[in-house]
N, C-alpha and C. Protein backbone atom coordinates (compact mmCIF):
# COMPACT_ATOMS: atom_id res chain seq x y z
N MET A 1 10.74 -2.47 -66.10
CA MET A 1 11.21 -2.82 -64.76
C MET A 1 10.06 -2.72 -63.76
N ARG A 2 9.29 -1.66 -63.89
CA ARG A 2 8.18 -1.44 -62.97
C ARG A 2 7.13 -2.54 -63.11
N ASP A 3 6.82 -2.93 -64.35
CA ASP A 3 5.86 -4.00 -64.59
C ASP A 3 6.36 -5.33 -64.02
N PHE A 4 7.65 -5.56 -64.15
CA PHE A 4 8.24 -6.79 -63.64
C PHE A 4 8.07 -6.89 -62.13
N ARG A 5 8.31 -5.78 -61.41
CA ARG A 5 8.14 -5.78 -59.94
C ARG A 5 6.68 -6.01 -59.56
N MET A 6 5.77 -5.45 -60.33
CA MET A 6 4.34 -5.64 -60.06
C MET A 6 3.96 -7.11 -60.24
N VAL A 7 4.46 -7.75 -61.27
CA VAL A 7 4.18 -9.16 -61.53
C VAL A 7 4.76 -10.02 -60.40
N VAL A 8 5.98 -9.75 -59.98
CA VAL A 8 6.60 -10.49 -58.88
C VAL A 8 5.80 -10.29 -57.60
N PHE A 9 5.41 -9.06 -57.32
CA PHE A 9 4.61 -8.76 -56.12
C PHE A 9 3.30 -9.55 -56.14
N LEU A 10 2.60 -9.54 -57.28
CA LEU A 10 1.34 -10.26 -57.39
C LEU A 10 1.54 -11.78 -57.26
N LEU A 11 2.60 -12.30 -57.83
CA LEU A 11 2.89 -13.73 -57.69
C LEU A 11 3.14 -14.11 -56.23
N ILE A 12 3.89 -13.30 -55.54
CA ILE A 12 4.16 -13.54 -54.12
C ILE A 12 2.87 -13.45 -53.31
N LEU A 13 2.07 -12.42 -53.58
CA LEU A 13 0.80 -12.23 -52.88
C LEU A 13 -0.14 -13.42 -53.11
N PHE A 14 -0.29 -13.85 -54.36
CA PHE A 14 -1.14 -14.99 -54.67
C PHE A 14 -0.62 -16.27 -54.02
N SER A 15 0.68 -16.44 -53.99
CA SER A 15 1.27 -17.63 -53.36
C SER A 15 0.97 -17.66 -51.87
N ILE A 16 1.11 -16.52 -51.21
CA ILE A 16 0.83 -16.43 -49.77
C ILE A 16 -0.64 -16.73 -49.51
N CYS A 17 -1.53 -16.13 -50.30
CA CYS A 17 -2.97 -16.37 -50.13
C CYS A 17 -3.32 -17.84 -50.34
N THR A 18 -2.72 -18.45 -51.35
CA THR A 18 -2.96 -19.87 -51.61
C THR A 18 -2.50 -20.73 -50.44
N LEU A 19 -1.33 -20.43 -49.91
CA LEU A 19 -0.83 -21.18 -48.75
C LEU A 19 -1.74 -21.01 -47.54
N LEU A 20 -2.20 -19.79 -47.29
CA LEU A 20 -3.09 -19.54 -46.16
C LEU A 20 -4.41 -20.29 -46.32
N LEU A 21 -4.98 -20.25 -47.50
CA LEU A 21 -6.24 -20.96 -47.73
C LEU A 21 -6.06 -22.47 -47.60
N THR A 22 -4.98 -22.99 -48.12
CA THR A 22 -4.70 -24.42 -48.01
C THR A 22 -4.50 -24.82 -46.54
N GLY A 23 -3.76 -24.01 -45.81
CA GLY A 23 -3.55 -24.27 -44.38
C GLY A 23 -4.84 -24.22 -43.60
N GLY A 24 -5.71 -23.27 -43.93
CA GLY A 24 -7.01 -23.17 -43.26
C GLY A 24 -7.87 -24.39 -43.53
N LYS A 25 -7.87 -24.86 -44.76
CA LYS A 25 -8.64 -26.05 -45.13
C LYS A 25 -8.11 -27.28 -44.40
N LEU A 26 -6.80 -27.43 -44.34
CA LEU A 26 -6.21 -28.57 -43.63
C LEU A 26 -6.55 -28.53 -42.15
N ALA A 27 -6.48 -27.35 -41.55
CA ALA A 27 -6.82 -27.20 -40.12
C ALA A 27 -8.29 -27.53 -39.89
N TYR A 28 -9.16 -27.08 -40.80
CA TYR A 28 -10.59 -27.37 -40.69
C TYR A 28 -10.83 -28.88 -40.78
N ASP A 29 -10.20 -29.52 -41.75
CA ASP A 29 -10.36 -30.97 -41.91
C ASP A 29 -9.89 -31.73 -40.68
N ARG A 30 -8.77 -31.31 -40.11
CA ARG A 30 -8.23 -31.96 -38.91
C ARG A 30 -9.18 -31.77 -37.72
N ALA A 31 -9.67 -30.55 -37.53
CA ALA A 31 -10.60 -30.27 -36.43
C ALA A 31 -11.90 -31.05 -36.62
N SER A 32 -12.37 -31.13 -37.85
CA SER A 32 -13.59 -31.87 -38.14
C SER A 32 -13.43 -33.35 -37.83
N ALA A 33 -12.28 -33.92 -38.15
CA ALA A 33 -12.02 -35.33 -37.86
C ALA A 33 -12.00 -35.58 -36.35
N VAL A 34 -11.39 -34.69 -35.59
CA VAL A 34 -11.35 -34.82 -34.13
C VAL A 34 -12.77 -34.73 -33.57
N PHE A 35 -13.55 -33.77 -34.05
CA PHE A 35 -14.93 -33.61 -33.60
C PHE A 35 -15.73 -34.88 -33.88
N ASN A 36 -15.61 -35.43 -35.09
CA ASN A 36 -16.35 -36.64 -35.44
C ASN A 36 -15.94 -37.82 -34.57
N ARG A 37 -14.65 -37.98 -34.30
CA ARG A 37 -14.21 -39.08 -33.44
C ARG A 37 -14.81 -38.95 -32.04
N ARG A 38 -14.85 -37.73 -31.51
CA ARG A 38 -15.45 -37.53 -30.18
C ARG A 38 -16.94 -37.84 -30.20
N LEU A 39 -17.63 -37.40 -31.25
CA LEU A 39 -19.06 -37.67 -31.38
C LEU A 39 -19.30 -39.17 -31.48
N TYR A 40 -18.52 -39.85 -32.31
CA TYR A 40 -18.68 -41.30 -32.46
C TYR A 40 -18.43 -42.01 -31.14
N ALA A 41 -17.43 -41.56 -30.39
CA ALA A 41 -17.14 -42.16 -29.09
C ALA A 41 -18.32 -41.97 -28.13
N GLU A 42 -18.91 -40.78 -28.12
CA GLU A 42 -20.08 -40.53 -27.26
C GLU A 42 -21.22 -41.48 -27.61
N ILE A 43 -21.46 -41.66 -28.91
CA ILE A 43 -22.55 -42.54 -29.34
C ILE A 43 -22.24 -43.99 -28.97
N LEU A 44 -21.03 -44.43 -29.21
CA LEU A 44 -20.65 -45.80 -28.84
C LEU A 44 -20.76 -46.01 -27.33
N ASP A 45 -20.37 -45.01 -26.54
CA ASP A 45 -20.51 -45.08 -25.08
C ASP A 45 -21.97 -45.21 -24.67
N LEU A 46 -22.83 -44.48 -25.35
CA LEU A 46 -24.26 -44.51 -25.05
C LEU A 46 -24.82 -45.92 -25.17
N TYR A 47 -24.27 -46.68 -26.09
CA TYR A 47 -24.73 -48.05 -26.35
C TYR A 47 -23.84 -49.11 -25.69
N ASP A 48 -22.85 -48.69 -24.95
CA ASP A 48 -21.90 -49.61 -24.30
C ASP A 48 -21.14 -50.49 -25.30
N TYR A 49 -20.91 -49.98 -26.50
CA TYR A 49 -20.06 -50.69 -27.45
C TYR A 49 -18.61 -50.48 -27.06
N GLN A 50 -17.81 -51.52 -27.22
CA GLN A 50 -16.39 -51.44 -26.91
C GLN A 50 -15.62 -50.88 -28.10
N TYR A 51 -14.64 -50.06 -27.84
CA TYR A 51 -13.82 -49.47 -28.90
C TYR A 51 -12.53 -48.97 -28.28
N THR A 52 -11.57 -48.68 -29.11
CA THR A 52 -10.35 -48.02 -28.67
C THR A 52 -10.25 -46.71 -29.44
N GLU A 53 -9.34 -45.86 -29.03
CA GLU A 53 -9.17 -44.58 -29.72
C GLU A 53 -8.80 -44.79 -31.18
N GLU A 54 -8.06 -45.85 -31.45
CA GLU A 54 -7.63 -46.13 -32.82
C GLU A 54 -8.76 -46.71 -33.67
N THR A 55 -9.72 -47.40 -33.04
CA THR A 55 -10.77 -48.08 -33.81
C THR A 55 -12.13 -47.41 -33.73
N VAL A 56 -12.21 -46.24 -33.13
CA VAL A 56 -13.52 -45.61 -32.90
C VAL A 56 -14.28 -45.40 -34.21
N GLU A 57 -13.60 -44.96 -35.26
CA GLU A 57 -14.31 -44.71 -36.52
C GLU A 57 -14.79 -46.00 -37.17
N SER A 58 -13.96 -47.02 -37.19
CA SER A 58 -14.37 -48.30 -37.80
C SER A 58 -15.44 -48.99 -36.96
N ASP A 59 -15.34 -48.91 -35.63
CA ASP A 59 -16.36 -49.50 -34.77
C ASP A 59 -17.69 -48.78 -34.94
N PHE A 60 -17.63 -47.46 -35.07
CA PHE A 60 -18.85 -46.70 -35.31
C PHE A 60 -19.47 -47.10 -36.64
N ALA A 61 -18.68 -47.15 -37.70
CA ALA A 61 -19.18 -47.49 -39.03
C ALA A 61 -19.77 -48.91 -39.07
N ARG A 62 -19.22 -49.81 -38.28
CA ARG A 62 -19.73 -51.18 -38.23
C ARG A 62 -21.09 -51.24 -37.54
N ASN A 63 -21.34 -50.34 -36.58
CA ASN A 63 -22.56 -50.42 -35.78
C ASN A 63 -23.64 -49.40 -36.12
N PHE A 64 -23.29 -48.36 -36.89
CA PHE A 64 -24.26 -47.30 -37.19
C PHE A 64 -24.19 -46.87 -38.64
N LYS A 65 -25.34 -46.45 -39.14
CA LYS A 65 -25.42 -45.88 -40.48
C LYS A 65 -25.79 -44.41 -40.31
N THR A 66 -25.08 -43.53 -41.01
CA THR A 66 -25.35 -42.10 -40.94
C THR A 66 -26.29 -41.71 -42.06
N LEU A 67 -27.40 -41.05 -41.70
CA LEU A 67 -28.36 -40.57 -42.69
C LEU A 67 -28.52 -39.07 -42.56
N ASN A 68 -28.36 -38.37 -43.67
CA ASN A 68 -28.59 -36.93 -43.71
C ASN A 68 -29.95 -36.69 -44.33
N ILE A 69 -30.84 -36.08 -43.58
CA ILE A 69 -32.17 -35.76 -44.08
C ILE A 69 -32.36 -34.26 -43.90
N GLY A 70 -32.34 -33.55 -45.01
CA GLY A 70 -32.38 -32.10 -44.94
C GLY A 70 -31.13 -31.61 -44.22
N SER A 71 -31.32 -30.78 -43.22
CA SER A 71 -30.18 -30.26 -42.45
C SER A 71 -29.89 -31.11 -41.22
N ARG A 72 -30.64 -32.18 -41.03
CA ARG A 72 -30.47 -33.02 -39.84
C ARG A 72 -29.64 -34.26 -40.15
N VAL A 73 -28.90 -34.71 -39.14
CA VAL A 73 -28.10 -35.93 -39.26
C VAL A 73 -28.62 -36.93 -38.23
N PHE A 74 -28.90 -38.14 -38.68
CA PHE A 74 -29.37 -39.21 -37.82
C PHE A 74 -28.39 -40.37 -37.91
N TYR A 75 -28.18 -41.05 -36.78
CA TYR A 75 -27.30 -42.21 -36.72
C TYR A 75 -28.17 -43.41 -36.35
N VAL A 76 -28.43 -44.27 -37.33
CA VAL A 76 -29.32 -45.41 -37.14
C VAL A 76 -28.48 -46.63 -36.79
N GLU A 77 -28.83 -47.27 -35.68
CA GLU A 77 -28.10 -48.47 -35.27
C GLU A 77 -28.37 -49.60 -36.25
N LYS A 78 -27.34 -50.35 -36.59
CA LYS A 78 -27.47 -51.45 -37.55
C LYS A 78 -27.93 -52.76 -36.90
N ASN A 79 -28.06 -52.80 -35.58
CA ASN A 79 -28.49 -53.99 -34.87
C ASN A 79 -29.91 -54.37 -35.30
N PRO A 80 -30.10 -55.55 -35.93
CA PRO A 80 -31.44 -55.92 -36.41
C PRO A 80 -32.42 -56.26 -35.29
N GLU A 81 -31.92 -56.43 -34.07
CA GLU A 81 -32.79 -56.80 -32.96
C GLU A 81 -33.50 -55.62 -32.32
N ARG A 82 -33.07 -54.40 -32.65
CA ARG A 82 -33.76 -53.23 -32.11
C ARG A 82 -33.70 -52.10 -33.14
N LYS A 83 -34.65 -51.22 -33.03
CA LYS A 83 -34.79 -50.11 -33.97
C LYS A 83 -34.49 -48.81 -33.23
N THR A 84 -33.21 -48.45 -33.18
CA THR A 84 -32.83 -47.23 -32.46
C THR A 84 -32.13 -46.25 -33.38
N VAL A 85 -32.25 -44.99 -33.01
CA VAL A 85 -31.63 -43.91 -33.77
C VAL A 85 -31.10 -42.88 -32.79
N VAL A 86 -29.98 -42.27 -33.14
CA VAL A 86 -29.36 -41.22 -32.33
C VAL A 86 -29.34 -39.95 -33.16
N PHE A 87 -29.62 -38.83 -32.51
CA PHE A 87 -29.58 -37.54 -33.19
C PHE A 87 -29.26 -36.46 -32.18
N LYS A 88 -28.86 -35.31 -32.69
CA LYS A 88 -28.60 -34.16 -31.83
C LYS A 88 -29.88 -33.34 -31.71
N ALA A 89 -30.08 -32.80 -30.52
CA ALA A 89 -31.16 -31.85 -30.29
C ALA A 89 -30.54 -30.68 -29.55
N ASP A 90 -30.94 -29.49 -29.89
CA ASP A 90 -30.39 -28.33 -29.19
C ASP A 90 -31.44 -27.24 -29.05
N GLY A 91 -31.16 -26.34 -28.14
CA GLY A 91 -32.06 -25.23 -27.89
C GLY A 91 -31.50 -24.35 -26.80
N PRO A 92 -32.16 -23.22 -26.59
CA PRO A 92 -31.67 -22.29 -25.57
C PRO A 92 -31.93 -22.80 -24.16
N GLY A 93 -30.93 -22.66 -23.30
CA GLY A 93 -31.09 -22.93 -21.89
C GLY A 93 -31.35 -21.61 -21.18
N LEU A 94 -31.09 -21.55 -19.90
CA LEU A 94 -31.25 -20.29 -19.18
C LEU A 94 -30.16 -19.31 -19.57
N TRP A 95 -28.90 -19.77 -19.63
CA TRP A 95 -27.77 -18.89 -19.90
C TRP A 95 -27.10 -19.13 -21.24
N SER A 96 -27.27 -20.30 -21.79
CA SER A 96 -26.56 -20.62 -23.03
C SER A 96 -27.30 -21.70 -23.80
N GLN A 97 -26.77 -22.01 -24.95
CA GLN A 97 -27.31 -23.07 -25.79
C GLN A 97 -27.00 -24.42 -25.14
N ILE A 98 -27.97 -25.33 -25.17
CA ILE A 98 -27.78 -26.69 -24.67
C ILE A 98 -27.85 -27.61 -25.88
N GLU A 99 -26.88 -28.52 -25.98
CA GLU A 99 -26.88 -29.49 -27.07
C GLU A 99 -26.77 -30.89 -26.48
N VAL A 100 -27.67 -31.77 -26.89
CA VAL A 100 -27.68 -33.13 -26.37
C VAL A 100 -27.67 -34.14 -27.52
N LEU A 101 -27.20 -35.33 -27.21
CA LEU A 101 -27.37 -36.50 -28.07
C LEU A 101 -28.53 -37.28 -27.49
N LEU A 102 -29.48 -37.62 -28.30
CA LEU A 102 -30.66 -38.35 -27.84
C LEU A 102 -30.76 -39.65 -28.63
N ALA A 103 -30.78 -40.76 -27.93
CA ALA A 103 -30.95 -42.08 -28.55
C ALA A 103 -32.35 -42.56 -28.23
N VAL A 104 -33.09 -42.96 -29.26
CA VAL A 104 -34.48 -43.36 -29.10
C VAL A 104 -34.68 -44.76 -29.65
N ASP A 105 -35.39 -45.58 -28.87
CA ASP A 105 -35.80 -46.91 -29.33
C ASP A 105 -37.20 -46.74 -29.92
N ALA A 106 -37.29 -46.80 -31.24
CA ALA A 106 -38.56 -46.53 -31.93
C ALA A 106 -39.60 -47.62 -31.67
N ASP A 107 -39.17 -48.88 -31.53
CA ASP A 107 -40.12 -49.96 -31.27
C ASP A 107 -40.79 -49.81 -29.91
N LYS A 108 -39.99 -49.51 -28.91
CA LYS A 108 -40.52 -49.39 -27.54
C LYS A 108 -41.08 -48.00 -27.26
N GLU A 109 -40.84 -47.05 -28.17
CA GLU A 109 -41.24 -45.65 -27.99
C GLU A 109 -40.73 -45.10 -26.66
N GLU A 110 -39.42 -45.30 -26.47
CA GLU A 110 -38.79 -44.78 -25.25
C GLU A 110 -37.39 -44.28 -25.56
N ILE A 111 -36.89 -43.46 -24.64
CA ILE A 111 -35.53 -42.96 -24.78
C ILE A 111 -34.57 -44.07 -24.40
N PHE A 112 -33.62 -44.33 -25.28
CA PHE A 112 -32.59 -45.34 -25.02
C PHE A 112 -31.48 -44.73 -24.17
N GLY A 113 -31.17 -43.46 -24.42
CA GLY A 113 -30.13 -42.79 -23.65
C GLY A 113 -30.02 -41.33 -24.04
N LEU A 114 -29.38 -40.54 -23.19
CA LEU A 114 -29.20 -39.11 -23.43
C LEU A 114 -27.83 -38.71 -22.91
N ARG A 115 -27.14 -37.88 -23.68
CA ARG A 115 -25.86 -37.31 -23.25
C ARG A 115 -25.84 -35.83 -23.58
N VAL A 116 -25.45 -35.02 -22.63
CA VAL A 116 -25.30 -33.58 -22.86
C VAL A 116 -23.93 -33.36 -23.49
N LEU A 117 -23.93 -32.79 -24.68
CA LEU A 117 -22.68 -32.51 -25.39
C LEU A 117 -22.09 -31.17 -24.98
N SER A 118 -22.96 -30.17 -24.83
CA SER A 118 -22.47 -28.85 -24.42
C SER A 118 -23.57 -28.09 -23.71
N GLN A 119 -23.15 -27.27 -22.76
CA GLN A 119 -24.07 -26.41 -22.00
C GLN A 119 -23.23 -25.41 -21.22
N GLY A 120 -23.82 -24.32 -20.86
CA GLY A 120 -23.13 -23.30 -20.08
C GLY A 120 -24.01 -22.80 -18.95
N GLU A 121 -24.74 -23.72 -18.35
CA GLU A 121 -25.65 -23.35 -17.27
C GLU A 121 -24.89 -23.16 -15.96
N THR A 122 -25.56 -22.65 -14.96
CA THR A 122 -24.94 -22.34 -13.67
C THR A 122 -24.39 -23.61 -13.01
N PRO A 123 -23.09 -23.64 -12.71
CA PRO A 123 -22.52 -24.81 -12.03
C PRO A 123 -23.24 -25.07 -10.70
N GLY A 124 -23.53 -26.33 -10.43
CA GLY A 124 -24.19 -26.70 -9.19
C GLY A 124 -25.71 -26.61 -9.26
N LEU A 125 -26.22 -25.93 -10.26
CA LEU A 125 -27.67 -25.84 -10.46
C LEU A 125 -28.00 -26.43 -11.83
N GLY A 126 -28.26 -25.58 -12.81
CA GLY A 126 -28.58 -26.06 -14.15
C GLY A 126 -27.46 -26.86 -14.77
N GLY A 127 -26.23 -26.57 -14.37
CA GLY A 127 -25.08 -27.30 -14.88
C GLY A 127 -25.10 -28.78 -14.53
N ARG A 128 -25.96 -29.14 -13.58
CA ARG A 128 -26.06 -30.55 -13.17
C ARG A 128 -26.66 -31.43 -14.27
N ILE A 129 -27.18 -30.83 -15.33
CA ILE A 129 -27.69 -31.65 -16.43
C ILE A 129 -26.57 -32.47 -17.08
N SER A 130 -25.32 -32.07 -16.85
CA SER A 130 -24.18 -32.81 -17.40
C SER A 130 -23.78 -34.01 -16.54
N GLU A 131 -24.38 -34.14 -15.35
CA GLU A 131 -24.05 -35.26 -14.47
C GLU A 131 -24.63 -36.56 -15.03
N LYS A 132 -23.82 -37.60 -15.01
CA LYS A 132 -24.22 -38.88 -15.58
C LYS A 132 -25.49 -39.42 -14.92
N ALA A 133 -25.63 -39.26 -13.62
CA ALA A 133 -26.81 -39.78 -12.92
C ALA A 133 -28.09 -39.13 -13.45
N PHE A 134 -28.04 -37.82 -13.69
CA PHE A 134 -29.21 -37.14 -14.23
C PHE A 134 -29.49 -37.61 -15.65
N GLN A 135 -28.46 -37.71 -16.46
CA GLN A 135 -28.64 -38.14 -17.84
C GLN A 135 -29.18 -39.57 -17.91
N ASP A 136 -28.68 -40.43 -17.04
CA ASP A 136 -29.13 -41.82 -17.02
C ASP A 136 -30.59 -41.95 -16.61
N SER A 137 -31.13 -40.96 -15.90
CA SER A 137 -32.54 -41.03 -15.49
C SER A 137 -33.49 -40.96 -16.68
N PHE A 138 -33.00 -40.58 -17.85
CA PHE A 138 -33.84 -40.53 -19.05
C PHE A 138 -33.95 -41.89 -19.74
N SER A 139 -33.04 -42.81 -19.46
CA SER A 139 -33.07 -44.13 -20.10
C SER A 139 -34.35 -44.86 -19.73
N GLY A 140 -35.04 -45.37 -20.74
CA GLY A 140 -36.29 -46.08 -20.52
C GLY A 140 -37.50 -45.19 -20.39
N LEU A 141 -37.34 -43.90 -20.53
CA LEU A 141 -38.44 -42.94 -20.39
C LEU A 141 -39.34 -43.00 -21.62
N ASP A 142 -40.65 -43.14 -21.41
CA ASP A 142 -41.61 -43.14 -22.52
C ASP A 142 -41.58 -41.79 -23.23
N ILE A 143 -41.69 -41.82 -24.55
CA ILE A 143 -41.69 -40.57 -25.31
C ILE A 143 -43.11 -40.14 -25.69
N LYS A 144 -44.10 -40.95 -25.36
CA LYS A 144 -45.49 -40.62 -25.66
C LYS A 144 -46.23 -40.36 -24.37
N PRO A 145 -47.09 -39.39 -24.23
CA PRO A 145 -47.41 -38.40 -25.25
C PRO A 145 -46.28 -37.40 -25.49
N GLU A 146 -45.51 -37.09 -24.46
CA GLU A 146 -44.30 -36.27 -24.59
C GLU A 146 -43.49 -36.42 -23.31
N VAL A 147 -42.21 -36.10 -23.39
CA VAL A 147 -41.33 -36.18 -22.23
C VAL A 147 -41.62 -34.99 -21.32
N LYS A 148 -41.68 -35.25 -20.01
CA LYS A 148 -41.92 -34.19 -19.04
C LYS A 148 -40.81 -34.21 -17.98
N VAL A 149 -40.26 -33.05 -17.68
CA VAL A 149 -39.30 -32.90 -16.60
C VAL A 149 -40.05 -32.16 -15.50
N VAL A 150 -40.38 -32.88 -14.42
CA VAL A 150 -41.27 -32.36 -13.38
C VAL A 150 -40.63 -32.44 -12.00
N LYS A 151 -41.28 -31.78 -11.04
CA LYS A 151 -40.76 -31.76 -9.67
C LYS A 151 -40.70 -33.16 -9.06
N PHE A 152 -41.78 -33.92 -9.18
CA PHE A 152 -41.83 -35.29 -8.66
C PHE A 152 -42.36 -36.21 -9.75
N ALA A 153 -41.50 -36.98 -10.36
CA ALA A 153 -41.90 -37.87 -11.45
C ALA A 153 -42.72 -39.04 -10.92
N THR A 154 -43.90 -39.25 -11.52
CA THR A 154 -44.76 -40.36 -11.13
C THR A 154 -45.20 -41.19 -12.33
N ARG A 155 -45.03 -40.67 -13.52
CA ARG A 155 -45.48 -41.37 -14.73
C ARG A 155 -44.28 -41.85 -15.54
N ALA A 156 -44.57 -42.75 -16.48
CA ALA A 156 -43.52 -43.37 -17.29
C ALA A 156 -42.85 -42.39 -18.26
N ASN A 157 -43.48 -41.25 -18.49
CA ASN A 157 -42.90 -40.25 -19.40
C ASN A 157 -42.33 -39.05 -18.64
N GLU A 158 -42.15 -39.21 -17.33
CA GLU A 158 -41.66 -38.10 -16.50
C GLU A 158 -40.32 -38.44 -15.85
N VAL A 159 -39.51 -37.40 -15.69
CA VAL A 159 -38.23 -37.52 -14.99
C VAL A 159 -38.14 -36.36 -14.00
N ASP A 160 -37.47 -36.58 -12.87
CA ASP A 160 -37.34 -35.53 -11.86
C ASP A 160 -36.48 -34.39 -12.38
N ALA A 161 -36.97 -33.18 -12.20
CA ALA A 161 -36.22 -31.98 -12.57
C ALA A 161 -35.09 -31.77 -11.56
N ILE A 162 -34.17 -30.90 -11.92
CA ILE A 162 -33.09 -30.56 -11.01
C ILE A 162 -33.59 -29.46 -10.08
N SER A 163 -33.48 -29.71 -8.78
CA SER A 163 -33.93 -28.74 -7.79
C SER A 163 -33.14 -27.43 -7.93
N GLY A 164 -33.85 -26.32 -8.01
CA GLY A 164 -33.20 -25.02 -8.13
C GLY A 164 -32.83 -24.65 -9.56
N ALA A 165 -33.20 -25.49 -10.51
CA ALA A 165 -32.86 -25.23 -11.92
C ALA A 165 -34.10 -25.41 -12.80
N THR A 166 -35.17 -24.74 -12.41
CA THR A 166 -36.45 -24.89 -13.11
C THR A 166 -36.35 -24.51 -14.57
N LYS A 167 -35.76 -23.36 -14.87
CA LYS A 167 -35.67 -22.88 -16.26
C LYS A 167 -34.82 -23.81 -17.12
N THR A 168 -33.72 -24.29 -16.58
CA THR A 168 -32.87 -25.22 -17.33
C THR A 168 -33.62 -26.53 -17.57
N SER A 169 -34.33 -27.02 -16.55
CA SER A 169 -35.10 -28.25 -16.70
C SER A 169 -36.18 -28.09 -17.77
N GLN A 170 -36.87 -26.94 -17.77
CA GLN A 170 -37.89 -26.68 -18.78
C GLN A 170 -37.27 -26.58 -20.17
N ALA A 171 -36.12 -25.94 -20.26
CA ALA A 171 -35.43 -25.81 -21.55
C ALA A 171 -35.04 -27.18 -22.09
N LEU A 172 -34.55 -28.05 -21.21
CA LEU A 172 -34.17 -29.40 -21.62
C LEU A 172 -35.40 -30.18 -22.09
N GLU A 173 -36.48 -30.07 -21.36
CA GLU A 173 -37.74 -30.71 -21.77
C GLU A 173 -38.16 -30.23 -23.16
N ASN A 174 -38.12 -28.92 -23.38
CA ASN A 174 -38.53 -28.36 -24.67
C ASN A 174 -37.66 -28.85 -25.82
N LEU A 175 -36.35 -28.83 -25.62
CA LEU A 175 -35.48 -29.24 -26.73
C LEU A 175 -35.59 -30.73 -27.02
N ILE A 176 -35.80 -31.54 -25.99
CA ILE A 176 -36.00 -32.98 -26.21
C ILE A 176 -37.28 -33.22 -27.00
N ASN A 177 -38.36 -32.57 -26.60
CA ASN A 177 -39.64 -32.77 -27.30
C ASN A 177 -39.61 -32.25 -28.73
N ARG A 178 -38.90 -31.14 -28.97
CA ARG A 178 -38.74 -30.65 -30.35
C ARG A 178 -37.95 -31.66 -31.18
N GLY A 179 -36.90 -32.21 -30.59
CA GLY A 179 -36.12 -33.23 -31.28
C GLY A 179 -36.94 -34.47 -31.59
N LEU A 180 -37.79 -34.88 -30.65
CA LEU A 180 -38.65 -36.04 -30.87
C LEU A 180 -39.69 -35.77 -31.96
N GLU A 181 -40.19 -34.54 -32.03
CA GLU A 181 -41.11 -34.17 -33.11
C GLU A 181 -40.42 -34.28 -34.47
N ASN A 182 -39.18 -33.80 -34.55
CA ASN A 182 -38.42 -33.91 -35.79
C ASN A 182 -38.19 -35.37 -36.16
N LEU A 183 -37.88 -36.19 -35.17
CA LEU A 183 -37.67 -37.61 -35.41
C LEU A 183 -38.94 -38.26 -35.94
N GLU A 184 -40.07 -37.93 -35.36
CA GLU A 184 -41.33 -38.53 -35.79
C GLU A 184 -41.63 -38.18 -37.25
N ARG A 185 -41.32 -36.95 -37.65
CA ARG A 185 -41.54 -36.54 -39.04
C ARG A 185 -40.67 -37.34 -40.01
N GLU A 186 -39.50 -37.74 -39.58
CA GLU A 186 -38.55 -38.42 -40.46
C GLU A 186 -38.52 -39.94 -40.27
N SER A 187 -39.33 -40.48 -39.36
CA SER A 187 -39.20 -41.90 -39.00
C SER A 187 -39.46 -42.85 -40.17
N ASP A 188 -40.36 -42.50 -41.08
CA ASP A 188 -40.62 -43.39 -42.22
C ASP A 188 -39.36 -43.56 -43.06
N ILE A 189 -38.64 -42.47 -43.28
CA ILE A 189 -37.41 -42.53 -44.07
C ILE A 189 -36.32 -43.27 -43.29
N LEU A 190 -36.21 -42.97 -42.01
CA LEU A 190 -35.14 -43.55 -41.19
C LEU A 190 -35.22 -45.06 -41.10
N PHE A 191 -36.42 -45.57 -40.95
CA PHE A 191 -36.56 -47.00 -40.70
C PHE A 191 -37.12 -47.77 -41.89
N SER A 192 -37.06 -47.16 -43.06
CA SER A 192 -37.43 -47.89 -44.28
C SER A 192 -36.32 -48.88 -44.57
N GLU A 193 -36.48 -49.67 -45.60
CA GLU A 193 -35.46 -50.67 -45.93
C GLU A 193 -34.11 -50.03 -46.18
N GLY A 194 -34.09 -48.83 -46.78
CA GLY A 194 -32.83 -48.15 -47.05
C GLY A 194 -32.21 -47.57 -45.80
N GLY A 195 -33.02 -47.31 -44.77
CA GLY A 195 -32.51 -46.66 -43.58
C GLY A 195 -31.95 -47.60 -42.55
N ASN A 196 -32.35 -48.86 -42.58
CA ASN A 196 -31.87 -49.78 -41.56
C ASN A 196 -31.26 -51.01 -42.14
């Protein structure tokens, strides 16, 4: 009798654990799908591609190829008229981690677009990096010799920093340039016949 109760107890315990693990996996898969749809929408917005909430995944797949190189993920545009790639770049800001999507036109050696995905900088100061007007100021910016966020932009590779947010502006400059260095290391693979 005692052995029978132990077997029943273990069966119930294993069943509960199995259900919890299955539920956790399903929740993870659902959250991952939502995250990917939001990311795809951000990338499509960056390129002004039209999509609906229902077609975001198919529209993304039609216009971009996803390449995993090491631990990095690159999204190469399938448009044969231009050679662009989108990738995430992140790094420490003044108060928190900053994560951006960076789109680069490899032929023109310039930034195609930039979107801040997450940041926790001071609202009204460093937090202004999330403003569309600031992000749009990076479009067309030369990436050679390197991107500079400066007080008064005068060169093709410079953009105006946010007044009162020097550390955040420097952090953004650093993470963009690190991301561009990573891109340069992988560019042969990205734009080979298999990559585009």
